[in-house]
Amino acid sequence: RAGGAAMEPECRVLSIQSHVVRGYVGNKAATFPLQVLGFEVDTVNSVQFSNHTGYAHWKGQVLNSDELHELYEGLKLNKVNRYDYVLTGYTRDTSFLAMVVDIVQELKQQNSNLVYVCDPVMGDKWNGEGSMYVPKDLLPVYRDKVVPVADIITPNQFEAELLTGRKIYTEKDALEVMDMLHAMGPETVVITSSDLQAPLGNDYLIALGSHRKTKADGTRITQRIRVESPKVDAVFVGTGDLFAAMLLAWTHKHPNNLKVACEKTVSAMQHVLQRTIKSAKAQAGEGNKPNSAQLELRMVQSKKDIENPEIIVKATVL
């Protein structure tokens, strides 16, 4: 910067996620936004696939826990294993997930201020019915090992229910579930999507956030917010990965204002999705349903919206 203005101190993220050659999920969805927002991003690719698995075909390789450990050892030998953030998403393998936990714990010894942002990807609801799309044995690993070392978690409603063993029918239930999740470890919990009735109506999707801080005198204060964003009529892949990455960035820039962090995250999300659906429909042509390739997130085209999102979605403080 000109004028000798102080540069922001370097902020480094270790992101352990999937890689696709074509398209935007996992690290491909997280890296660009984080870089645009000024973060150094070190990526470990937990898989390398040709494309995401929503396509008719996919090919590729999977990294195992020993290979993950080996990569981490290389960083350690060079003494470049100091991170400010760790970010993880979709994982299918319990031993890989357990290795992630070991690495996070070691990195927290290196830097006690390290923040672990975890998207506990396990499943979702379709037409009100929840189902897991990862092996069932991942749930106890997330619940007993991962969530306790996480600082920020971004489950959807179904995942929040799985982790706490408690169903959510009302907003009050959701707030209690978020309190249960706080009690497990994380000081920030965002339920990224739910089937709760939105005050603005059926065309809106509710997300809920809760930030619990313990003050120096030991008293706890909790800020809770609700965000209603317009539903977009399409199935996108990579949205959760993009959401978690941007939430990491905006909570870093607004550490004690979950409201603003979520408004910026969800607004940027909305810009990207609107651009994507518009472009996908144009490619598919009148009356045709866009396919997986046409529905890939318009990431590069949304650079300005990611960098400086116009707030088009407001959060309500509860």
Foldseek 3Di string as FASTA:
>chain_A
DPPPDDDDPAAEEEEEFAAELDFAAGCNLQVLLLVLQPHHYHYDHQWYKNDDPQDPDIDTGGQDLVNVVVVLVVCVVVPNLAHQEYEYEDDQDLSNLVSVLVSLVVNCVVPVNRAYEYEHQFWDDDPRDIDGPHDPVVLCCCQPGVLQSHAEYEYAQVNLCSNQVHHDDEVVSVVVSVVVSVVSHYQKYKNPFDPHADPVGDQWTKIKIKGWDQDPVRDIDIWIKIWIDGDDPDDAHRLVVNLSSQLVSLCVVVVPCSQVSNQLSVQLSVVQQVVLVVQQDVVQDPPGDGGHSSNRTPPVVSSVCSNPNDRPIGMGID
